[in-house]
Amino acid sequence: MLLGARHKQLQQQWSRSVTLRHVISLLDQIDKVAQVPARIEKLAAEKRYYAAGQLHLQSISMLDREGIQSVGALRDVRAELNKLRGALFFKVVEDLHLHLYNKGDYSLNLAISQDKADDISNLTPAPVPAVGSLHPVSRRTRTLTRTVSYVSSVDRTADVRHMGDG
């Protein structure tokens, strides 16, 4: 009989320890979620919008879990996350707008590097393949080359005729 009583007591203690572990896990999750708004603001300030959006989505899904939904102390966190969602959206749209019209931080660097690349003094003449070389030439280029050589030979013939007239 003594063993049966201890067995029940052990089961009750085991059940209580499992429940307490679950409560501690929920409290840890609540503590992490309470710190999320500050982390999202920091990520947005660093212009790491994707990471901020991912953190926001994970936090909202955590707040919608069954064990945490009923916690009244997290109403403020939910409200702040909803405000941050709108603020994050407007920051992303603003940065995209600036980037599209070359006024953002990244766009200026890109425009400066493109200006340097577009500078005509940096151009080097491209090698022109000789007529009859082994390099492949497109049909259009071959046609243009033949036309130019034909026209130049006609011009030379006309020049020779004019010299003979003089």
N, C-alpha and C. Protein backbone atom coordinates (compact mmCIF):
# COMPACT_ATOMS: atom_id res chain seq x y z
N MET A 1 0.82 -1.17 0.00
CA MET A 1 0.00 0.00 0.00
C MET A 1 0.87 1.25 0.00
N LEU A 2 1.95 1.21 0.68
CA LEU A 2 2.86 2.35 0.76
C LEU A 2 3.44 2.68 -0.61
N LEU A 3 3.75 1.67 -1.42
CA LEU A 3 4.30 1.88 -2.74
C LEU A 3 3.27 2.53 -3.67
N GLY A 4 2.02 2.16 -3.56
CA GLY A 4 0.95 2.73 -4.38
C GLY A 4 0.76 4.20 -4.08
N ALA A 5 0.86 4.61 -2.84
CA ALA A 5 0.69 6.01 -2.46
C ALA A 5 1.85 6.84 -2.99
N ARG A 6 3.05 6.30 -2.90
CA ARG A 6 4.21 7.03 -3.42
C ARG A 6 4.15 7.15 -4.94
N HIS A 7 3.63 6.12 -5.59
CA HIS A 7 3.52 6.15 -7.04
C HIS A 7 2.59 7.29 -7.48
N LYS A 8 1.46 7.43 -6.80
CA LYS A 8 0.52 8.51 -7.12
C LYS A 8 1.16 9.87 -6.86
N GLN A 9 1.87 9.97 -5.77
CA GLN A 9 2.53 11.23 -5.43
C GLN A 9 3.59 11.59 -6.48
N LEU A 10 4.35 10.59 -6.95
CA LEU A 10 5.34 10.81 -8.00
C LEU A 10 4.68 11.26 -9.30
N GLN A 11 3.54 10.65 -9.65
CA GLN A 11 2.83 11.05 -10.86
C GLN A 11 2.34 12.50 -10.76
N GLN A 12 1.85 12.87 -9.60
CA GLN A 12 1.38 14.24 -9.40
C GLN A 12 2.54 15.24 -9.50
N GLN A 13 3.66 14.89 -8.91
CA GLN A 13 4.82 15.78 -8.98
C GLN A 13 5.35 15.87 -10.41
N TRP A 14 5.37 14.76 -11.13
CA TRP A 14 5.81 14.77 -12.52
C TRP A 14 4.87 15.65 -13.37
N SER A 15 3.57 15.49 -13.16
CA SER A 15 2.58 16.29 -13.88
C SER A 15 2.76 17.77 -13.56
N ARG A 16 2.99 18.07 -12.30
CA ARG A 16 3.20 19.47 -11.89
C ARG A 16 4.48 20.03 -12.51
N SER A 17 5.55 19.23 -12.59
CA SER A 17 6.81 19.70 -13.18
C SER A 17 6.64 19.97 -14.67
N VAL A 18 5.87 19.13 -15.36
CA VAL A 18 5.61 19.35 -16.78
C VAL A 18 4.83 20.64 -16.96
N THR A 19 3.84 20.87 -16.13
CA THR A 19 3.04 22.10 -16.21
C THR A 19 3.90 23.32 -15.93
N LEU A 20 4.76 23.24 -14.92
CA LEU A 20 5.64 24.37 -14.59
C LEU A 20 6.64 24.64 -15.72
N ARG A 21 7.17 23.59 -16.36
CA ARG A 21 8.07 23.79 -17.50
C ARG A 21 7.35 24.52 -18.63
N HIS A 22 6.09 24.14 -18.85
CA HIS A 22 5.30 24.79 -19.89
C HIS A 22 5.07 26.27 -19.55
N VAL A 23 4.77 26.55 -18.30
CA VAL A 23 4.54 27.94 -17.86
C VAL A 23 5.83 28.74 -18.01
N ILE A 24 6.97 28.17 -17.64
CA ILE A 24 8.25 28.86 -17.77
C ILE A 24 8.55 29.14 -19.25
N SER A 25 8.25 28.17 -20.10
CA SER A 25 8.45 28.36 -21.54
C SER A 25 7.57 29.51 -22.05
N LEU A 26 6.33 29.56 -21.62
CA LEU A 26 5.43 30.65 -22.03
C LEU A 26 5.95 32.00 -21.53
N LEU A 27 6.44 32.04 -20.31
CA LEU A 27 6.98 33.30 -19.76
C LEU A 27 8.21 33.76 -20.54
N ASP A 28 9.07 32.81 -20.92
CA ASP A 28 10.23 33.16 -21.75
C ASP A 28 9.79 33.73 -23.10
N GLN A 29 8.78 33.10 -23.71
CA GLN A 29 8.27 33.60 -24.98
C GLN A 29 7.66 34.99 -24.82
N ILE A 30 6.95 35.21 -23.73
CA ILE A 30 6.34 36.52 -23.48
C ILE A 30 7.43 37.57 -23.29
N ASP A 31 8.48 37.21 -22.59
CA ASP A 31 9.60 38.14 -22.38
C ASP A 31 10.26 38.50 -23.71
N LYS A 32 10.46 37.50 -24.57
CA LYS A 32 11.06 37.75 -25.88
C LYS A 32 10.16 38.63 -26.74
N VAL A 33 8.85 38.37 -26.72
CA VAL A 33 7.92 39.15 -27.52
C VAL A 33 7.85 40.59 -27.02
N ALA A 34 7.98 40.78 -25.73
CA ALA A 34 7.94 42.14 -25.18
C ALA A 34 9.13 42.97 -25.64
N GLN A 35 10.24 42.33 -25.99
CA GLN A 35 11.43 43.05 -26.44
C GLN A 35 11.45 43.27 -27.96
N VAL A 36 10.51 42.67 -28.67
CA VAL A 36 10.50 42.72 -30.13
C VAL A 36 10.33 44.13 -30.70
N PRO A 37 9.41 44.96 -30.20
CA PRO A 37 9.26 46.29 -30.81
C PRO A 37 10.56 47.09 -30.86
N ALA A 38 11.35 47.03 -29.82
CA ALA A 38 12.63 47.75 -29.81
C ALA A 38 13.58 47.15 -30.85
N ARG A 39 13.57 45.84 -30.99
CA ARG A 39 14.44 45.19 -31.98
C ARG A 39 14.00 45.56 -33.40
N ILE A 40 12.69 45.63 -33.64
CA ILE A 40 12.19 45.99 -34.97
C ILE A 40 12.58 47.43 -35.29
N GLU A 41 12.46 48.33 -34.32
CA GLU A 41 12.85 49.73 -34.55
C GLU A 41 14.34 49.83 -34.88
N LYS A 42 15.15 49.05 -34.18
CA LYS A 42 16.59 49.05 -34.44
C LYS A 42 16.89 48.56 -35.86
N LEU A 43 16.25 47.47 -36.26
CA LEU A 43 16.46 46.93 -37.61
C LEU A 43 15.98 47.92 -38.67
N ALA A 44 14.88 48.59 -38.43
CA ALA A 44 14.37 49.57 -39.39
C ALA A 44 15.32 50.76 -39.49
N ALA A 45 15.89 51.17 -38.38
CA ALA A 45 16.84 52.28 -38.39
C ALA A 45 18.10 51.89 -39.18
N GLU A 46 18.46 50.62 -39.15
CA GLU A 46 19.62 50.14 -39.90
C GLU A 46 19.26 49.81 -41.35
N LYS A 47 18.00 50.04 -41.72
CA LYS A 47 17.46 49.77 -43.06
C LYS A 47 17.55 48.29 -43.42
N ARG A 48 17.36 47.46 -42.41
CA ARG A 48 17.30 46.01 -42.62
C ARG A 48 15.83 45.61 -42.57
N TYR A 49 15.11 46.02 -43.60
CA TYR A 49 13.66 45.89 -43.62
C TYR A 49 13.19 44.45 -43.70
N TYR A 50 13.91 43.63 -44.44
CA TYR A 50 13.49 42.24 -44.55
C TYR A 50 13.56 41.55 -43.18
N ALA A 51 14.65 41.75 -42.47
CA ALA A 51 14.80 41.14 -41.14
C ALA A 51 13.73 41.68 -40.18
N ALA A 52 13.45 42.98 -40.29
CA ALA A 52 12.42 43.57 -39.43
C ALA A 52 11.05 42.99 -39.74
N GLY A 53 10.76 42.81 -41.02
CA GLY A 53 9.48 42.22 -41.41
C GLY A 53 9.35 40.78 -40.95
N GLN A 54 10.43 40.01 -41.09
CA GLN A 54 10.41 38.62 -40.63
C GLN A 54 10.19 38.54 -39.12
N LEU A 55 10.88 39.39 -38.38
CA LEU A 55 10.73 39.40 -36.92
C LEU A 55 9.30 39.78 -36.54
N HIS A 56 8.73 40.75 -37.26
CA HIS A 56 7.36 41.17 -36.99
C HIS A 56 6.39 40.01 -37.23
N LEU A 57 6.55 39.31 -38.34
CA LEU A 57 5.65 38.19 -38.65
C LEU A 57 5.78 37.06 -37.62
N GLN A 58 7.01 36.76 -37.22
CA GLN A 58 7.21 35.71 -36.22
C GLN A 58 6.57 36.10 -34.89
N SER A 59 6.69 37.37 -34.54
CA SER A 59 6.14 37.82 -33.26
C SER A 59 4.62 37.79 -33.28
N ILE A 60 4.02 38.22 -34.39
CA ILE A 60 2.56 38.19 -34.49
C ILE A 60 2.06 36.75 -34.43
N SER A 61 2.75 35.84 -35.10
CA SER A 61 2.32 34.44 -35.06
C SER A 61 2.50 33.87 -33.65
N MET A 62 3.52 34.31 -32.94
CA MET A 62 3.71 33.85 -31.56
C MET A 62 2.60 34.39 -30.65
N LEU A 63 2.20 35.63 -30.89
CA LEU A 63 1.13 36.22 -30.08
C LEU A 63 -0.22 35.56 -30.36
N ASP A 64 -0.37 34.97 -31.53
CA ASP A 64 -1.63 34.32 -31.88
C ASP A 64 -1.70 32.87 -31.41
N ARG A 65 -0.66 32.38 -30.79
CA ARG A 65 -0.68 31.00 -30.27
C ARG A 65 -1.69 30.88 -29.13
N GLU A 66 -2.12 29.67 -28.93
CA GLU A 66 -3.19 29.42 -27.97
C GLU A 66 -2.83 29.82 -26.54
N GLY A 67 -1.64 29.51 -26.08
CA GLY A 67 -1.29 29.79 -24.69
C GLY A 67 -1.03 31.25 -24.41
N ILE A 68 -0.66 32.02 -25.41
CA ILE A 68 -0.27 33.42 -25.20
C ILE A 68 -1.42 34.38 -25.53
N GLN A 69 -2.39 33.92 -26.31
CA GLN A 69 -3.49 34.79 -26.72
C GLN A 69 -4.23 35.40 -25.54
N SER A 70 -4.39 34.64 -24.49
CA SER A 70 -5.19 35.10 -23.37
C SER A 70 -4.44 36.00 -22.39
N VAL A 71 -3.14 36.24 -22.61
CA VAL A 71 -2.36 37.06 -21.70
C VAL A 71 -2.71 38.54 -21.95
N GLY A 72 -3.33 39.16 -20.97
CA GLY A 72 -3.79 40.54 -21.11
C GLY A 72 -2.65 41.54 -21.15
N ALA A 73 -1.52 41.21 -20.55
CA ALA A 73 -0.39 42.14 -20.49
C ALA A 73 0.23 42.35 -21.87
N LEU A 74 -0.07 41.49 -22.82
CA LEU A 74 0.52 41.60 -24.15
C LEU A 74 -0.32 42.44 -25.11
N ARG A 75 -1.43 43.00 -24.62
CA ARG A 75 -2.25 43.86 -25.48
C ARG A 75 -1.45 45.07 -25.95
N ASP A 76 -0.67 45.64 -25.04
CA ASP A 76 0.16 46.80 -25.41
C ASP A 76 1.19 46.41 -26.47
N VAL A 77 1.77 45.23 -26.32
CA VAL A 77 2.77 44.77 -27.29
C VAL A 77 2.10 44.56 -28.65
N ARG A 78 0.89 43.98 -28.65
CA ARG A 78 0.16 43.80 -29.92
C ARG A 78 -0.13 45.14 -30.58
N ALA A 79 -0.58 46.10 -29.78
CA ALA A 79 -0.89 47.43 -30.33
C ALA A 79 0.37 48.09 -30.89
N GLU A 80 1.49 47.96 -30.17
CA GLU A 80 2.74 48.55 -30.65
C GLU A 80 3.24 47.86 -31.91
N LEU A 81 3.06 46.54 -32.00
CA LEU A 81 3.46 45.82 -33.21
C LEU A 81 2.61 46.24 -34.40
N ASN A 82 1.33 46.50 -34.16
CA ASN A 82 0.48 46.97 -35.26
C ASN A 82 0.91 48.36 -35.73
N LYS A 83 1.30 49.23 -34.80
CA LYS A 83 1.80 50.56 -35.19
C LYS A 83 3.11 50.43 -35.96
N LEU A 84 3.98 49.55 -35.48
CA LEU A 84 5.27 49.35 -36.15
C LEU A 84 5.09 48.78 -37.55
N ARG A 85 4.06 47.97 -37.72
CA ARG A 85 3.79 47.42 -39.05
C ARG A 85 3.52 48.54 -40.05
N GLY A 86 2.68 49.48 -39.66
CA GLY A 86 2.39 50.62 -40.53
C GLY A 86 3.61 51.48 -40.75
N ALA A 87 4.36 51.75 -39.70
CA ALA A 87 5.56 52.59 -39.82
C ALA A 87 6.60 51.92 -40.71
N LEU A 88 6.77 50.62 -40.54
CA LEU A 88 7.72 49.87 -41.36
C LEU A 88 7.30 49.90 -42.83
N PHE A 89 6.02 49.74 -43.07
CA PHE A 89 5.51 49.79 -44.44
C PHE A 89 5.83 51.14 -45.08
N PHE A 90 5.55 52.22 -44.37
CA PHE A 90 5.79 53.55 -44.94
C PHE A 90 7.27 53.84 -45.13
N LYS A 91 8.12 53.32 -44.23
CA LYS A 91 9.56 53.50 -44.41
C LYS A 91 10.06 52.77 -45.65
N VAL A 92 9.57 51.56 -45.86
CA VAL A 92 9.99 50.78 -47.03
C VAL A 92 9.52 51.48 -48.30
N VAL A 93 8.28 51.94 -48.32
CA VAL A 93 7.76 52.63 -49.50
C VAL A 93 8.55 53.90 -49.76
N GLU A 94 8.87 54.65 -48.71
CA GLU A 94 9.64 55.89 -48.87
C GLU A 94 11.04 55.60 -49.43
N ASP A 95 11.72 54.60 -48.88
CA ASP A 95 13.06 54.27 -49.37
C ASP A 95 13.01 53.76 -50.82
N LEU A 96 11.99 52.98 -51.15
CA LEU A 96 11.85 52.52 -52.52
C LEU A 96 11.60 53.69 -53.47
N HIS A 97 10.78 54.62 -53.03
CA HIS A 97 10.51 55.81 -53.84
C HIS A 97 11.79 56.61 -54.08
N LEU A 98 12.55 56.82 -53.02
CA LEU A 98 13.81 57.56 -53.16
C LEU A 98 14.78 56.81 -54.07
N HIS A 99 14.81 55.50 -53.92
CA HIS A 99 15.72 54.70 -54.74
C HIS A 99 15.31 54.74 -56.21
N LEU A 100 14.02 54.66 -56.46
CA LEU A 100 13.54 54.68 -57.85
C LEU A 100 13.87 55.99 -58.55
N TYR A 101 13.85 57.06 -57.81
CA TYR A 101 14.11 58.37 -58.40
C TYR A 101 15.53 58.87 -58.10
N ASN A 102 16.43 57.93 -57.81
CA ASN A 102 17.86 58.21 -57.61
C ASN A 102 18.13 59.29 -56.57
N LYS A 103 17.40 59.23 -55.47
CA LYS A 103 17.63 60.20 -54.40
C LYS A 103 18.00 59.52 -53.09
N GLY A 104 18.03 58.20 -53.07
CA GLY A 104 18.32 57.47 -51.84
C GLY A 104 19.80 57.30 -51.61
N ASP A 105 20.14 56.73 -50.46
CA ASP A 105 21.54 56.50 -50.09
C ASP A 105 22.23 55.60 -51.10
N TYR A 106 21.59 54.51 -51.47
CA TYR A 106 22.19 53.56 -52.39
C TYR A 106 22.20 54.11 -53.81
N SER A 107 21.19 54.87 -54.17
CA SER A 107 21.08 55.39 -55.53
C SER A 107 22.18 56.39 -55.84
N LEU A 108 22.56 57.21 -54.86
CA LEU A 108 23.61 58.19 -55.09
C LEU A 108 24.93 57.51 -55.40
N ASN A 109 25.25 56.47 -54.66
CA ASN A 109 26.49 55.73 -54.91
C ASN A 109 26.47 55.10 -56.30
N LEU A 110 25.33 54.58 -56.68
CA LEU A 110 25.19 53.95 -57.99
C LEU A 110 25.32 55.00 -59.09
N ALA A 111 24.70 56.17 -58.90
CA ALA A 111 24.76 57.23 -59.91
C ALA A 111 26.18 57.75 -60.07
N ILE A 112 26.92 57.89 -58.99
CA ILE A 112 28.30 58.36 -59.06
C ILE A 112 29.16 57.36 -59.82
N SER A 113 28.98 56.07 -59.52
CA SER A 113 29.78 55.06 -60.20
C SER A 113 29.39 54.97 -61.67
N GLN A 114 28.12 55.20 -62.00
CA GLN A 114 27.71 55.19 -63.40
C GLN A 114 28.27 56.40 -64.13
N ASP A 115 28.33 57.56 -63.47
CA ASP A 115 28.90 58.75 -64.10
C ASP A 115 30.36 58.50 -64.47
N LYS A 116 31.08 57.84 -63.57
CA LYS A 116 32.49 57.53 -63.86
C LYS A 116 32.59 56.54 -65.02
N ALA A 117 31.68 55.58 -65.06
CA ALA A 117 31.71 54.59 -66.12
C ALA A 117 31.30 55.20 -67.46
N ASP A 118 30.47 56.23 -67.42
CA ASP A 118 30.00 56.86 -68.65
C ASP A 118 30.96 57.91 -69.18
N ASP A 119 32.02 58.21 -68.45
CA ASP A 119 32.96 59.24 -68.87
C ASP A 119 33.63 58.81 -70.17
N ILE A 120 33.62 59.68 -71.16
CA ILE A 120 34.12 59.34 -72.50
C ILE A 120 35.65 59.21 -72.52
N SER A 121 36.32 59.84 -71.56
CA SER A 121 37.79 59.75 -71.53
C SER A 121 38.25 58.35 -71.15
N ASN A 122 37.37 57.55 -70.55
CA ASN A 122 37.73 56.19 -70.14
C ASN A 122 37.58 55.18 -71.27
N LEU A 123 37.04 55.62 -72.41
CA LEU A 123 36.80 54.68 -73.50
C LEU A 123 38.08 54.35 -74.23
N THR A 124 38.21 53.11 -74.61
CA THR A 124 39.33 52.67 -75.44
C THR A 124 38.76 52.19 -76.76
N PRO A 125 39.45 52.47 -77.85
CA PRO A 125 38.91 52.05 -79.14
C PRO A 125 38.87 50.53 -79.25
N ALA A 126 37.81 50.04 -79.85
CA ALA A 126 37.67 48.60 -80.03
C ALA A 126 38.44 48.18 -81.27
N PRO A 127 39.09 47.04 -81.22
CA PRO A 127 39.82 46.56 -82.41
C PRO A 127 38.84 46.19 -83.51
N VAL A 128 39.14 46.61 -84.71
CA VAL A 128 38.30 46.30 -85.86
C VAL A 128 38.97 45.18 -86.64
N PRO A 129 38.26 44.08 -86.87
CA PRO A 129 38.88 42.97 -87.60
C PRO A 129 39.12 43.35 -89.05
N ALA A 130 40.21 42.88 -89.58
CA ALA A 130 40.55 43.16 -90.98
C ALA A 130 39.62 42.36 -91.88
N VAL A 131 39.43 42.87 -93.09
CA VAL A 131 38.58 42.18 -94.05
C VAL A 131 39.29 40.89 -94.44
N GLY A 132 38.55 39.82 -94.43
CA GLY A 132 39.13 38.53 -94.78
C GLY A 132 39.80 37.84 -93.62
N SER A 133 39.66 38.37 -92.40
CA SER A 133 40.29 37.71 -91.26
C SER A 133 39.45 36.50 -90.86
N LEU A 134 39.98 35.73 -89.95
CA LEU A 134 39.31 34.51 -89.54
C LEU A 134 38.27 34.75 -88.47
N HIS A 135 38.11 36.00 -87.99
CA HIS A 135 37.12 36.30 -86.96
C HIS A 135 35.73 36.27 -87.57
N PRO A 136 34.77 35.69 -86.87
CA PRO A 136 33.41 35.66 -87.41
C PRO A 136 32.82 37.07 -87.42
N VAL A 137 32.16 37.39 -88.49
CA VAL A 137 31.54 38.70 -88.65
C VAL A 137 30.09 38.46 -89.05
N SER A 138 29.20 39.29 -88.54
CA SER A 138 27.78 39.11 -88.86
C SER A 138 27.52 39.43 -90.32
N ARG A 139 26.37 38.96 -90.83
CA ARG A 139 26.00 39.22 -92.22
C ARG A 139 25.91 40.71 -92.49
N ARG A 140 25.34 41.45 -91.55
CA ARG A 140 25.17 42.89 -91.73
C ARG A 140 26.53 43.57 -91.84
N THR A 141 27.46 43.18 -90.98
CA THR A 141 28.79 43.76 -91.01
C THR A 141 29.48 43.42 -92.32
N ARG A 142 29.33 42.15 -92.77
CA ARG A 142 29.94 41.76 -94.04
C ARG A 142 29.35 42.57 -95.19
N THR A 143 28.04 42.79 -95.18
CA THR A 143 27.39 43.56 -96.23
C THR A 143 27.88 44.99 -96.21
N LEU A 144 27.97 45.58 -95.00
CA LEU A 144 28.46 46.96 -94.88
C LEU A 144 29.91 47.06 -95.35
N THR A 145 30.73 46.08 -95.02
CA THR A 145 32.13 46.09 -95.42
C THR A 145 32.24 46.01 -96.94
N ARG A 146 31.46 45.13 -97.55
CA ARG A 146 31.48 45.02 -99.02
C ARG A 146 31.03 46.31 -99.67
N THR A 147 29.97 46.92 -99.11
CA THR A 147 29.44 48.17 -99.68
C THR A 147 30.48 49.27 -99.57
N VAL A 148 31.12 49.38 -98.43
CA VAL A 148 32.13 50.42 -98.22
C VAL A 148 33.31 50.19 -99.15
N SER A 149 33.76 48.95 -99.29
CA SER A 149 34.90 48.69 -100.17
C SER A 149 34.51 48.95 -101.62
N TYR A 150 33.28 48.63 -102.01
CA TYR A 150 32.82 48.89 -103.37
C TYR A 150 32.75 50.39 -103.64
N VAL A 151 32.19 51.13 -102.67
CA VAL A 151 32.07 52.59 -102.83
C VAL A 151 33.45 53.22 -102.89
N SER A 152 34.38 52.77 -102.06
CA SER A 152 35.72 53.35 -102.07
C SER A 152 36.44 53.03 -103.37
N SER A 153 36.20 51.84 -103.95
CA SER A 153 36.83 51.53 -105.22
C SER A 153 36.22 52.36 -106.34
N VAL A 154 34.92 52.63 -106.27
CA VAL A 154 34.27 53.49 -107.26
C VAL A 154 34.81 54.91 -107.15
N ASP A 155 35.00 55.39 -105.91
CA ASP A 155 35.55 56.73 -105.70
C ASP A 155 36.97 56.82 -106.26
N ARG A 156 37.78 55.79 -106.05
CA ARG A 156 39.14 55.80 -106.58
C ARG A 156 39.14 55.83 -108.11
N THR A 157 38.23 55.08 -108.69
CA THR A 157 38.13 55.05 -110.14
C THR A 157 37.73 56.43 -110.66
N ALA A 158 36.80 57.07 -109.96
CA ALA A 158 36.37 58.41 -110.38
C ALA A 158 37.50 59.40 -110.22
N ASP A 159 38.31 59.27 -109.15
CA ASP A 159 39.43 60.17 -108.93
C ASP A 159 40.47 60.01 -110.04
N VAL A 160 40.70 58.76 -110.45
CA VAL A 160 41.68 58.50 -111.51
C VAL A 160 41.19 59.14 -112.81
N ARG A 161 39.91 59.02 -113.10
CA ARG A 161 39.33 59.60 -114.33
C ARG A 161 39.48 61.12 -114.33
N HIS A 162 39.22 61.73 -113.14
CA HIS A 162 39.33 63.19 -113.04
C HIS A 162 40.79 63.64 -113.25
N MET A 163 41.73 62.82 -112.78
CA MET A 163 43.14 63.17 -112.94
C MET A 163 43.53 63.11 -114.40
N GLY A 164 42.93 62.12 -115.09
CA GLY A 164 43.25 61.98 -116.52
C GLY A 164 42.65 63.11 -117.34
N ASP A 165 41.55 63.72 -116.86
CA ASP A 165 40.91 64.81 -117.57
C ASP A 165 41.72 66.09 -117.45
N GLY A 166 42.46 66.23 -116.37
CA GLY A 166 43.14 67.47 -116.04
C GLY A 166 44.33 67.70 -116.81
